[in-house]
């Protein structure tokens, strides 16, 4: 609604309720996405993943939520590659990381 001054994109995770109607993630896919995030953080490749993680922690997000937000950026990039038959675009992925906690599909 225009003029309310409400913004939803930077709410702290404790202020956000999970949607009960959100689709469940396939456990194997979820595990693979978490592994990608863990590998990027461990290996420092790309370095922006660690920078984003540290930024989210400094902003007060718990570790688990910071990892989940990064996983959303990973998921969005994989979706674009598979659904839209687009090649991996590192610049697009890094831009999605930079916009977190705003999710890729919110912007």
PDB file of N, CA and C in Angstrom:
ATOM      1  N   UNK A   1       0.838  -1.159   0.000  1.00  0.00           N
ATOM      2  CA  UNK A   1       0.000   0.000   0.000  1.00  0.00           C
ATOM      3  C   UNK A   1       0.890   1.230   0.000  1.00  0.00           C
ATOM      4  N   UNK A   2       0.658   2.135  -0.902  1.00  0.00           N
ATOM      5  CA  UNK A   2       1.481   3.323  -1.025  1.00  0.00           C
ATOM      6  C   UNK A   2       1.272   4.234   0.170  1.00  0.00           C
ATOM      7  N   UNK A   3       2.381   4.851   0.604  1.00  0.00           N
ATOM      8  CA  UNK A   3       2.300   5.853   1.640  1.00  0.00           C
ATOM      9  C   UNK A   3       2.259   5.316   3.064  1.00  0.00           C
ATOM     10  N   UNK A   4       2.352   4.008   3.258  1.00  0.00           N
ATOM     11  CA  UNK A   4       2.305   3.478   4.620  1.00  0.00           C
ATOM     12  C   UNK A   4       3.671   3.531   5.283  1.00  0.00           C
ATOM     13  N   UNK A   5       4.731   3.659   4.471  1.00  0.00           N
ATOM     14  CA  UNK A   5       6.068   3.697   5.019  1.00  0.00           C
ATOM     15  C   UNK A   5       6.567   2.340   5.475  1.00  0.00           C
ATOM     16  N   UNK A   6       5.815   1.296   5.238  1.00  0.00           N
ATOM     17  CA  UNK A   6       6.222  -0.043   5.650  1.00  0.00           C
ATOM     18  C   UNK A   6       7.135  -0.646   4.607  1.00  0.00           C
ATOM     19  N   UNK A   7       8.246  -1.188   5.060  1.00  0.00           N
ATOM     20  CA  UNK A   7       9.150  -1.904   4.172  1.00  0.00           C
ATOM     21  C   UNK A   7       9.358  -3.290   4.750  1.00  0.00           C
ATOM     22  N   UNK A   8       9.294  -4.287   3.901  1.00  0.00           N
ATOM     23  CA  UNK A   8       9.402  -5.664   4.360  1.00  0.00           C
ATOM     24  C   UNK A   8      10.756  -6.281   4.061  1.00  0.00           C
ATOM     25  N   UNK A   9      11.574  -5.644   3.285  1.00  0.00           N
ATOM     26  CA  UNK A   9      12.757  -6.300   2.792  1.00  0.00           C
ATOM     27  C   UNK A   9      13.902  -6.395   3.782  1.00  0.00           C
ATOM     28  N   UNK A  10      13.910  -5.633   4.851  1.00  0.00           N
ATOM     29  CA  UNK A  10      15.033  -5.678   5.769  1.00  0.00           C
ATOM     30  C   UNK A  10      14.614  -6.048   7.186  1.00  0.00           C
ATOM     31  N   UNK A  11      13.538  -6.772   7.314  1.00  0.00           N
ATOM     32  CA  UNK A  11      13.101  -7.184   8.646  1.00  0.00           C
ATOM     33  C   UNK A  11      14.039  -8.224   9.210  1.00  0.00           C
ATOM     34  N   UNK A  12      14.257  -8.147  10.477  1.00  0.00           N
ATOM     35  CA  UNK A  12      15.060  -9.151  11.168  1.00  0.00           C
ATOM     36  C   UNK A  12      14.279 -10.463  11.155  1.00  0.00           C
ATOM     37  N   UNK A  13      14.972 -11.619  11.069  1.00  0.00           N
ATOM     38  CA  UNK A  13      14.266 -12.897  10.955  1.00  0.00           C
ATOM     39  C   UNK A  13      13.305 -13.175  12.102  1.00  0.00           C
ATOM     40  N   UNK A  14      13.586 -12.653  13.295  1.00  0.00           N
ATOM     41  CA  UNK A  14      12.676 -12.918  14.403  1.00  0.00           C
ATOM     42  C   UNK A  14      11.343 -12.215  14.216  1.00  0.00           C
ATOM     43  N   UNK A  15      11.303 -11.200  13.344  1.00  0.00           N
ATOM     44  CA  UNK A  15      10.065 -10.458  13.100  1.00  0.00           C
ATOM     45  C   UNK A  15       9.269 -11.058  11.953  1.00  0.00           C
ATOM     46  N   UNK A  16       9.812 -12.090  11.342  1.00  0.00           N
ATOM     47  CA  UNK A  16       9.162 -12.659  10.170  1.00  0.00           C
ATOM     48  C   UNK A  16       8.651 -14.056  10.482  1.00  0.00           C
ATOM     49  N   UNK A  17       7.414 -14.285  10.212  1.00  0.00           N
ATOM     50  CA  UNK A  17       6.844 -15.624  10.384  1.00  0.00           C
ATOM     51  C   UNK A  17       6.998 -16.385   9.074  1.00  0.00           C
ATOM     52  N   UNK A  18       7.299 -17.646   9.179  1.00  0.00           N
ATOM     53  CA  UNK A  18       7.360 -18.488   7.981  1.00  0.00           C
ATOM     54  C   UNK A  18       5.958 -18.704   7.450  1.00  0.00           C
ATOM     55  N   UNK A  19       5.829 -18.675   6.142  1.00  0.00           N
ATOM     56  CA  UNK A  19       4.526 -18.925   5.528  1.00  0.00           C
ATOM     57  C   UNK A  19       4.204 -20.398   5.637  1.00  0.00           C
ATOM     58  N   UNK A  20       3.040 -20.705   6.145  1.00  0.00           N
ATOM     59  CA  UNK A  20       2.655 -22.104   6.288  1.00  0.00           C
ATOM     60  C   UNK A  20       2.273 -22.714   4.946  1.00  0.00           C
ATOM     61  N   UNK A  21       1.988 -21.876   3.939  1.00  0.00           N
ATOM     62  CA  UNK A  21       1.604 -22.387   2.632  1.00  0.00           C
ATOM     63  C   UNK A  21       2.802 -22.479   1.680  1.00  0.00           C
ATOM     64  N   UNK A  22       4.017 -22.174   2.168  1.00  0.00           N
ATOM     65  CA  UNK A  22       5.198 -22.249   1.321  1.00  0.00           C
ATOM     66  C   UNK A  22       5.483 -23.716   0.992  1.00  0.00           C
ATOM     67  N   UNK A  23       5.895 -23.989  -0.247  1.00  0.00           N
ATOM     68  CA  UNK A  23       6.182 -25.384  -0.617  1.00  0.00           C
ATOM     69  C   UNK A  23       7.383 -25.908   0.152  1.00  0.00           C
ATOM     70  N   UNK A  24       7.343 -27.178   0.466  1.00  0.00           N
ATOM     71  CA  UNK A  24       8.459 -27.800   1.163  1.00  0.00           C
ATOM     72  C   UNK A  24       9.573 -28.077   0.174  1.00  0.00           C
ATOM     73  N   UNK A  25      10.791 -27.993   0.661  1.00  0.00           N
ATOM     74  CA  UNK A  25      11.958 -28.257  -0.163  1.00  0.00           C
ATOM     75  C   UNK A  25      12.234 -29.752  -0.173  1.00  0.00           C
ATOM     76  N   UNK A  26      12.572 -30.271  -1.337  1.00  0.00           N
ATOM     77  CA  UNK A  26      13.014 -31.648  -1.439  1.00  0.00           C
ATOM     78  C   UNK A  26      14.252 -31.785  -0.550  1.00  0.00           C
ATOM     79  N   UNK A  27      14.271 -32.746   0.368  1.00  0.00           N
ATOM     80  CA  UNK A  27      15.398 -32.857   1.303  1.00  0.00           C
ATOM     81  C   UNK A  27      16.757 -33.005   0.616  1.00  0.00           C
ATOM     82  N   UNK A  28      16.821 -33.758  -0.468  1.00  0.00           N
ATOM     83  CA  UNK A  28      18.094 -33.939  -1.169  1.00  0.00           C
ATOM     84  C   UNK A  28      18.544 -32.632  -1.814  1.00  0.00           C
ATOM     85  N   UNK A  29      17.610 -31.883  -2.386  1.00  0.00           N
ATOM     86  CA  UNK A  29      17.941 -30.595  -3.008  1.00  0.00           C
ATOM     87  C   UNK A  29      18.382 -29.613  -1.928  1.00  0.00           C
ATOM     88  N   UNK A  30      17.644 -29.583  -0.821  1.00  0.00           N
ATOM     89  CA  UNK A  30      18.014 -28.705   0.280  1.00  0.00           C
ATOM     90  C   UNK A  30      19.411 -29.003   0.795  1.00  0.00           C
ATOM     91  N   UNK A  31      19.740 -30.286   0.932  1.00  0.00           N
ATOM     92  CA  UNK A  31      21.071 -30.679   1.401  1.00  0.00           C
ATOM     93  C   UNK A  31      22.148 -30.257   0.405  1.00  0.00           C
ATOM     94  N   UNK A  32      21.868 -30.388  -0.889  1.00  0.00           N
ATOM     95  CA  UNK A  32      22.838 -29.994  -1.916  1.00  0.00           C
ATOM     96  C   UNK A  32      23.074 -28.483  -1.890  1.00  0.00           C
ATOM     97  N   UNK A  33      22.005 -27.715  -1.716  1.00  0.00           N
ATOM     98  CA  UNK A  33      22.135 -26.255  -1.659  1.00  0.00           C
ATOM     99  C   UNK A  33      22.939 -25.863  -0.417  1.00  0.00           C
ATOM    100  N   UNK A  34      22.646 -26.481   0.729  1.00  0.00           N
ATOM    101  CA  UNK A  34      23.408 -26.191   1.959  1.00  0.00           C
ATOM    102  C   UNK A  34      24.883 -26.548   1.776  1.00  0.00           C
ATOM    103  N   UNK A  35      25.149 -27.632   1.053  1.00  0.00           N
ATOM    104  CA  UNK A  35      26.538 -28.018   0.805  1.00  0.00           C
ATOM    105  C   UNK A  35      27.246 -26.984  -0.063  1.00  0.00           C
ATOM    106  N   UNK A  36      26.548 -26.448  -1.062  1.00  0.00           N
ATOM    107  CA  UNK A  36      27.129 -25.391  -1.902  1.00  0.00           C
ATOM    108  C   UNK A  36      27.503 -24.194  -1.042  1.00  0.00           C
ATOM    109  N   UNK A  37      26.577 -23.775  -0.174  1.00  0.00           N
ATOM    110  CA  UNK A  37      26.847 -22.629   0.702  1.00  0.00           C
ATOM    111  C   UNK A  37      28.031 -22.936   1.618  1.00  0.00           C
ATOM    112  N   UNK A  38      28.031 -24.099   2.232  1.00  0.00           N
ATOM    113  CA  UNK A  38      29.129 -24.476   3.129  1.00  0.00           C
ATOM    114  C   UNK A  38      30.464 -24.501   2.393  1.00  0.00           C
ATOM    115  N   UNK A  39      30.483 -25.036   1.174  1.00  0.00           N
ATOM    116  CA  UNK A  39      31.717 -25.089   0.386  1.00  0.00           C
ATOM    117  C   UNK A  39      32.210 -23.689   0.041  1.00  0.00           C
ATOM    118  N   UNK A  40      31.286 -22.812  -0.346  1.00  0.00           N
ATOM    119  CA  UNK A  40      31.678 -21.439  -0.683  1.00  0.00           C
ATOM    120  C   UNK A  40      32.254 -20.731   0.542  1.00  0.00           C
ATOM    121  N   UNK A  41      31.633 -20.930   1.697  1.00  0.00           N
ATOM    122  CA  UNK A  41      32.136 -20.300   2.916  1.00  0.00           C
ATOM    123  C   UNK A  41      33.492 -20.881   3.315  1.00  0.00           C
ATOM    124  N   UNK A  42      33.633 -22.195   3.228  1.00  0.00           N
ATOM    125  CA  UNK A  42      34.887 -22.855   3.605  1.00  0.00           C
ATOM    126  C   UNK A  42      36.038 -22.475   2.669  1.00  0.00           C
ATOM    127  N   UNK A  43      35.757 -22.493   1.362  1.00  0.00           N
ATOM    128  CA  UNK A  43      36.803 -22.269   0.368  1.00  0.00           C
ATOM    129  C   UNK A  43      37.048 -20.797   0.060  1.00  0.00           C
ATOM    130  N   UNK A  44      36.132 -19.933   0.459  1.00  0.00           N
ATOM    131  CA  UNK A  44      36.276 -18.509   0.164  1.00  0.00           C
ATOM    132  C   UNK A  44      36.097 -18.181  -1.303  1.00  0.00           C
ATOM    133  N   UNK A  45      35.320 -19.013  -1.990  1.00  0.00           N
ATOM    134  CA  UNK A  45      35.097 -18.828  -3.422  1.00  0.00           C
ATOM    135  C   UNK A  45      33.610 -18.865  -3.719  1.00  0.00           C
ATOM    136  N   UNK A  46      33.038 -17.800  -4.157  1.00  0.00           N
ATOM    137  CA  UNK A  46      33.639 -16.472  -4.280  1.00  0.00           C
ATOM    138  C   UNK A  46      33.767 -15.812  -2.906  1.00  0.00           C
ATOM    139  N   UNK A  47      34.720 -14.897  -2.751  1.00  0.00           N
ATOM    140  CA  UNK A  47      34.911 -14.248  -1.451  1.00  0.00           C
ATOM    141  C   UNK A  47      33.677 -13.470  -0.991  1.00  0.00           C
ATOM    142  N   UNK A  48      32.846 -13.060  -1.918  1.00  0.00           N
ATOM    143  CA  UNK A  48      31.636 -12.299  -1.575  1.00  0.00           C
ATOM    144  C   UNK A  48      30.650 -13.122  -0.733  1.00  0.00           C
ATOM    145  N   UNK A  49      30.732 -14.446  -0.827  1.00  0.00           N
ATOM    146  CA  UNK A  49      29.854 -15.274   0.004  1.00  0.00           C
ATOM    147  C   UNK A  49      30.210 -15.087   1.475  1.00  0.00           C
ATOM    148  N   UNK A  50      31.499 -15.158   1.804  1.00  0.00           N
ATOM    149  CA  UNK A  50      31.941 -14.947   3.189  1.00  0.00           C
ATOM    150  C   UNK A  50      31.655 -13.511   3.626  1.00  0.00           C
ATOM    151  N   UNK A  51      31.893 -12.551   2.742  1.00  0.00           N
ATOM    152  CA  UNK A  51      31.621 -11.148   3.074  1.00  0.00           C
ATOM    153  C   UNK A  51      30.136 -10.955   3.385  1.00  0.00           C
ATOM    154  N   UNK A  52      29.285 -11.589   2.603  1.00  0.00           N
ATOM    155  CA  UNK A  52      27.841 -11.486   2.825  1.00  0.00           C
ATOM    156  C   UNK A  52      27.465 -12.145   4.146  1.00  0.00           C
ATOM    157  N   UNK A  53      28.010 -13.308   4.402  1.00  0.00           N
ATOM    158  CA  UNK A  53      27.751 -14.031   5.655  1.00  0.00           C
ATOM    159  C   UNK A  53      28.137 -13.161   6.854  1.00  0.00           C
ATOM    160  N   UNK A  54      29.331 -12.600   6.804  1.00  0.00           N
ATOM    161  CA  UNK A  54      29.812 -11.756   7.904  1.00  0.00           C
ATOM    162  C   UNK A  54      28.944 -10.506   8.055  1.00  0.00           C
ATOM    163  N   UNK A  55      28.523  -9.926   6.957  1.00  0.00           N
ATOM    164  CA  UNK A  55      27.659  -8.736   6.988  1.00  0.00           C
ATOM    165  C   UNK A  55      26.319  -9.056   7.639  1.00  0.00           C
ATOM    166  N   UNK A  56      25.747 -10.206   7.272  1.00  0.00           N
ATOM    167  CA  UNK A  56      24.465 -10.596   7.853  1.00  0.00           C
ATOM    168  C   UNK A  56      24.593 -10.879   9.354  1.00  0.00           C
ATOM    169  N   UNK A  57      25.688 -11.529   9.754  1.00  0.00           N
ATOM    170  CA  UNK A  57      25.916 -11.765  11.183  1.00  0.00           C
ATOM    171  C   UNK A  57      26.053 -10.443  11.935  1.00  0.00           C
ATOM    172  N   UNK A  58      26.797  -9.506  11.350  1.00  0.00           N
ATOM    173  CA  UNK A  58      26.992  -8.195  11.986  1.00  0.00           C
ATOM    174  C   UNK A  58      25.673  -7.434  12.104  1.00  0.00           C
ATOM    175  N   UNK A  59      24.746  -7.714  11.185  1.00  0.00           N
ATOM    176  CA  UNK A  59      23.437  -7.064  11.216  1.00  0.00           C
ATOM    177  C   UNK A  59      22.489  -7.733  12.209  1.00  0.00           C
ATOM    178  N   UNK A  60      22.951  -8.803  12.865  1.00  0.00           N
ATOM    179  CA  UNK A  60      22.142  -9.451  13.887  1.00  0.00           C
ATOM    180  C   UNK A  60      21.438 -10.720  13.463  1.00  0.00           C
ATOM    181  N   UNK A  61      21.682 -11.193  12.255  1.00  0.00           N
ATOM    182  CA  UNK A  61      21.063 -12.437  11.817  1.00  0.00           C
ATOM    183  C   UNK A  61      21.806 -13.614  12.429  1.00  0.00           C
ATOM    184  N   UNK A  62      21.097 -14.601  12.940  1.00  0.00           N
ATOM    185  CA  UNK A  62      21.766 -15.815  13.435  1.00  0.00           C
ATOM    186  C   UNK A  62      22.452 -16.550  12.276  1.00  0.00           C
ATOM    187  N   UNK A  63      23.457 -17.354  12.601  1.00  0.00           N
ATOM    188  CA  UNK A  63      24.207 -18.093  11.577  1.00  0.00           C
ATOM    189  C   UNK A  63      23.290 -18.881  10.646  1.00  0.00           C
ATOM    190  N   UNK A  64      22.342 -19.601  11.219  1.00  0.00           N
ATOM    191  CA  UNK A  64      21.450 -20.439  10.411  1.00  0.00           C
ATOM    192  C   UNK A  64      20.650 -19.592   9.412  1.00  0.00           C
ATOM    193  N   UNK A  65      20.182 -18.442   9.849  1.00  0.00           N
ATOM    194  CA  UNK A  65      19.407 -17.573   8.959  1.00  0.00           C
ATOM    195  C   UNK A  65      20.297 -16.954   7.891  1.00  0.00           C
ATOM    196  N   UNK A  66      21.519 -16.586   8.244  1.00  0.00           N
ATOM    197  CA  UNK A  66      22.454 -16.046   7.255  1.00  0.00           C
ATOM    198  C   UNK A  66      22.739 -17.085   6.174  1.00  0.00           C
ATOM    199  N   UNK A  67      22.947 -18.330   6.586  1.00  0.00           N
ATOM    200  CA  UNK A  67      23.177 -19.407   5.613  1.00  0.00           C
ATOM    201  C   UNK A  67      21.931 -19.626   4.739  1.00  0.00           C
ATOM    202  N   UNK A  68      20.746 -19.543   5.354  1.00  0.00           N
ATOM    203  CA  UNK A  68      19.510 -19.729   4.593  1.00  0.00           C
ATOM    204  C   UNK A  68      19.343 -18.620   3.559  1.00  0.00           C
ATOM    205  N   UNK A  69      19.659 -17.393   3.927  1.00  0.00           N
ATOM    206  CA  UNK A  69      19.546 -16.283   2.981  1.00  0.00           C
ATOM    207  C   UNK A  69      20.509 -16.466   1.806  1.00  0.00           C
ATOM    208  N   UNK A  70      21.740 -16.870   2.104  1.00  0.00           N
ATOM    209  CA  UNK A  70      22.704 -17.127   1.030  1.00  0.00           C
ATOM    210  C   UNK A  70      22.206 -18.277   0.162  1.00  0.00           C
ATOM    211  N   UNK A  71      21.630 -19.289   0.780  1.00  0.00           N
ATOM    212  CA  UNK A  71      21.071 -20.415   0.018  1.00  0.00           C
ATOM    213  C   UNK A  71      19.973 -19.938  -0.937  1.00  0.00           C
ATOM    214  N   UNK A  72      19.230 -18.930  -0.537  1.00  0.00           N
ATOM    215  CA  UNK A  72      18.200 -18.375  -1.431  1.00  0.00           C
ATOM    216  C   UNK A  72      18.834 -17.770  -2.679  1.00  0.00           C
ATOM    217  N   UNK A  73      19.973 -17.092  -2.513  1.00  0.00           N
ATOM    218  CA  UNK A  73      20.672 -16.531  -3.674  1.00  0.00           C
ATOM    219  C   UNK A  73      21.194 -17.653  -4.577  1.00  0.00           C
ATOM    220  N   UNK A  74      21.736 -18.709  -3.976  1.00  0.00           N
ATOM    221  CA  UNK A  74      22.195 -19.872  -4.746  1.00  0.00           C
ATOM    222  C   UNK A  74      21.026 -20.482  -5.514  1.00  0.00           C
ATOM    223  N   UNK A  75      19.916 -20.681  -4.817  1.00  0.00           N
ATOM    224  CA  UNK A  75      18.728 -21.284  -5.422  1.00  0.00           C
ATOM    225  C   UNK A  75      18.216 -20.461  -6.588  1.00  0.00           C
ATOM    226  N   UNK A  76      18.208 -19.160  -6.429  1.00  0.00           N
ATOM    227  CA  UNK A  76      17.738 -18.275  -7.495  1.00  0.00           C
ATOM    228  C   UNK A  76      18.613 -18.402  -8.739  1.00  0.00           C
ATOM    229  N   UNK A  77      19.903 -18.474  -8.535  1.00  0.00           N
ATOM    230  CA  UNK A  77      20.815 -18.607  -9.677  1.00  0.00           C
ATOM    231  C   UNK A  77      20.628 -19.961 -10.362  1.00  0.00           C
ATOM    232  N   UNK A  78      20.487 -21.012  -9.581  1.00  0.00           N
ATOM    233  CA  UNK A  78      20.251 -22.340 -10.163  1.00  0.00           C
ATOM    234  C   UNK A  78      18.935 -22.347 -10.938  1.00  0.00           C
ATOM    235  N   UNK A  79      17.913 -21.711 -10.379  1.00  0.00           N
ATOM    236  CA  UNK A  79      16.620 -21.626 -11.051  1.00  0.00           C
ATOM    237  C   UNK A  79      16.766 -20.949 -12.411  1.00  0.00           C
ATOM    238  N   UNK A  80      17.472 -19.805 -12.450  1.00  0.00           N
ATOM    239  CA  UNK A  80      17.653 -19.104 -13.726  1.00  0.00           C
ATOM    240  C   UNK A  80      18.391 -19.971 -14.743  1.00  0.00           C
ATOM    241  N   UNK A  81      19.391 -20.693 -14.278  1.00  0.00           N
ATOM    242  CA  UNK A  81      20.159 -21.561 -15.175  1.00  0.00           C
ATOM    243  C   UNK A  81      19.277 -22.669 -15.752  1.00  0.00           C
ATOM    244  N   UNK A  82      18.510 -23.327 -14.894  1.00  0.00           N
ATOM    245  CA  UNK A  82      17.725 -24.481 -15.334  1.00  0.00           C
ATOM    246  C   UNK A  82      16.418 -24.097 -16.027  1.00  0.00           C
ATOM    247  N   UNK A  83      15.643 -23.253 -15.410  1.00  0.00           N
ATOM    248  CA  UNK A  83      14.312 -22.919 -15.934  1.00  0.00           C
ATOM    249  C   UNK A  83      14.382 -22.051 -17.190  1.00  0.00           C
ATOM    250  N   UNK A  84      15.273 -21.072 -17.163  1.00  0.00           N
ATOM    251  CA  UNK A  84      15.341 -20.117 -18.267  1.00  0.00           C
ATOM    252  C   UNK A  84      16.449 -20.431 -19.259  1.00  0.00           C
ATOM    253  N   UNK A  85      17.103 -21.576 -19.066  1.00  0.00           N
ATOM    254  CA  UNK A  85      18.173 -22.017 -19.978  1.00  0.00           C
ATOM    255  C   UNK A  85      19.227 -20.928 -20.157  1.00  0.00           C
ATOM    256  N   UNK A  86      19.597 -20.319 -19.021  1.00  0.00           N
ATOM    257  CA  UNK A  86      20.613 -19.283 -19.032  1.00  0.00           C
ATOM    258  C   UNK A  86      21.898 -19.851 -18.446  1.00  0.00           C
ATOM    259  N   UNK A  87      23.047 -19.407 -18.945  1.00  0.00           N
ATOM    260  CA  UNK A  87      24.298 -19.859 -18.333  1.00  0.00           C
ATOM    261  C   UNK A  87      24.463 -19.244 -16.948  1.00  0.00           C
ATOM    262  N   UNK A  88      25.291 -19.884 -16.123  1.00  0.00           N
ATOM    263  CA  UNK A  88      25.616 -19.315 -14.814  1.00  0.00           C
ATOM    264  C   UNK A  88      26.175 -17.926 -15.026  1.00  0.00           C
ATOM    265  N   UNK A  89      25.678 -16.991 -14.252  1.00  0.00           N
ATOM    266  CA  UNK A  89      26.090 -15.595 -14.369  1.00  0.00           C
ATOM    267  C   UNK A  89      26.614 -15.153 -13.007  1.00  0.00           C
ATOM    268  N   UNK A  90      27.939 -15.162 -12.852  1.00  0.00           N
ATOM    269  CA  UNK A  90      28.514 -14.829 -11.560  1.00  0.00           C
ATOM    270  C   UNK A  90      28.149 -13.415 -11.127  1.00  0.00           C
ATOM    271  N   UNK A  91      28.101 -12.476 -12.052  1.00  0.00           N
ATOM    272  CA  UNK A  91      27.737 -11.094 -11.704  1.00  0.00           C
ATOM    273  C   UNK A  91      26.320 -11.044 -11.136  1.00  0.00           C
ATOM    274  N   UNK A  92      25.407 -11.808 -11.721  1.00  0.00           N
ATOM    275  CA  UNK A  92      24.021 -11.857 -11.227  1.00  0.00           C
ATOM    276  C   UNK A  92      23.976 -12.472  -9.827  1.00  0.00           C
ATOM    277  N   UNK A  93      24.748 -13.534  -9.615  1.00  0.00           N
ATOM    278  CA  UNK A  93      24.806 -14.178  -8.304  1.00  0.00           C
ATOM    279  C   UNK A  93      25.388 -13.230  -7.253  1.00  0.00           C
ATOM    280  N   UNK A  94      26.476 -12.553  -7.592  1.00  0.00           N
ATOM    281  CA  UNK A  94      27.098 -11.630  -6.651  1.00  0.00           C
ATOM    282  C   UNK A  94      26.174 -10.461  -6.329  1.00  0.00           C
ATOM    283  N   UNK A  95      25.429 -10.003  -7.317  1.00  0.00           N
ATOM    284  CA  UNK A  95      24.449  -8.934  -7.075  1.00  0.00           C
ATOM    285  C   UNK A  95      23.365  -9.406  -6.115  1.00  0.00           C
ATOM    286  N   UNK A  96      22.939 -10.663  -6.255  1.00  0.00           N
ATOM    287  CA  UNK A  96      21.925 -11.220  -5.355  1.00  0.00           C
ATOM    288  C   UNK A  96      22.465 -11.300  -3.927  1.00  0.00           C
ATOM    289  N   UNK A  97      23.738 -11.686  -3.781  1.00  0.00           N
ATOM    290  CA  UNK A  97      24.354 -11.715  -2.457  1.00  0.00           C
ATOM    291  C   UNK A  97      24.389 -10.320  -1.854  1.00  0.00           C
ATOM    292  N   UNK A  98      24.760  -9.349  -2.661  1.00  0.00           N
ATOM    293  CA  UNK A  98      24.882  -7.975  -2.175  1.00  0.00           C
ATOM    294  C   UNK A  98      23.537  -7.416  -1.702  1.00  0.00           C
ATOM    295  N   UNK A  99      22.454  -7.835  -2.331  1.00  0.00           N
ATOM    296  CA  UNK A  99      21.122  -7.332  -1.962  1.00  0.00           C
ATOM    297  C   UNK A  99      20.542  -7.999  -0.721  1.00  0.00           C
ATOM    298  N   UNK A 100      21.115  -9.128  -0.300  1.00  0.00           N
ATOM    299  CA  UNK A 100      20.589  -9.790   0.893  1.00  0.00           C
ATOM    300  C   UNK A 100      20.627  -8.843   2.082  1.00  0.00           C
ATOM    301  N   UNK A 101      19.634  -8.825   2.933  1.00  0.00           N
ATOM    302  CA  UNK A 101      18.612  -9.842   3.150  1.00  0.00           C
ATOM    303  C   UNK A 101      17.400  -9.757   2.219  1.00  0.00           C
ATOM    304  N   UNK A 102      17.376  -8.798   1.298  1.00  0.00           N
ATOM    305  CA  UNK A 102      16.288  -8.793   0.331  1.00  0.00           C
ATOM    306  C   UNK A 102      16.490 -10.002  -0.591  1.00  0.00           C
ATOM    307  N   UNK A 103      15.466 -10.811  -0.714  1.00  0.00           N
ATOM    308  CA  UNK A 103      15.574 -12.036  -1.503  1.00  0.00           C
ATOM    309  C   UNK A 103      15.527 -11.725  -2.991  1.00  0.00           C
ATOM    310  N   UNK A 104      16.195 -12.557  -3.803  1.00  0.00           N
ATOM    311  CA  UNK A 104      16.265 -12.285  -5.246  1.00  0.00           C
ATOM    312  C   UNK A 104      14.908 -12.105  -5.894  1.00  0.00           C
ATOM    313  N   UNK A 105      13.902 -12.843  -5.454  1.00  0.00           N
ATOM    314  CA  UNK A 105      12.595 -12.760  -6.089  1.00  0.00           C
ATOM    315  C   UNK A 105      11.746 -11.626  -5.520  1.00  0.00           C
ATOM    316  N   UNK A 106      12.280 -10.886  -4.550  1.00  0.00           N
ATOM    317  CA  UNK A 106      11.556  -9.752  -4.003  1.00  0.00           C
ATOM    318  C   UNK A 106      11.927  -8.442  -4.701  1.00  0.00           C
ATOM    319  N   UNK A 107      12.976  -8.463  -5.492  1.00  0.00           N
ATOM    320  CA  UNK A 107      13.446  -7.214  -6.081  1.00  0.00           C
ATOM    321  C   UNK A 107      13.232  -7.135  -7.491  1.00  0.00           C
TER     322      UNK A 107
END
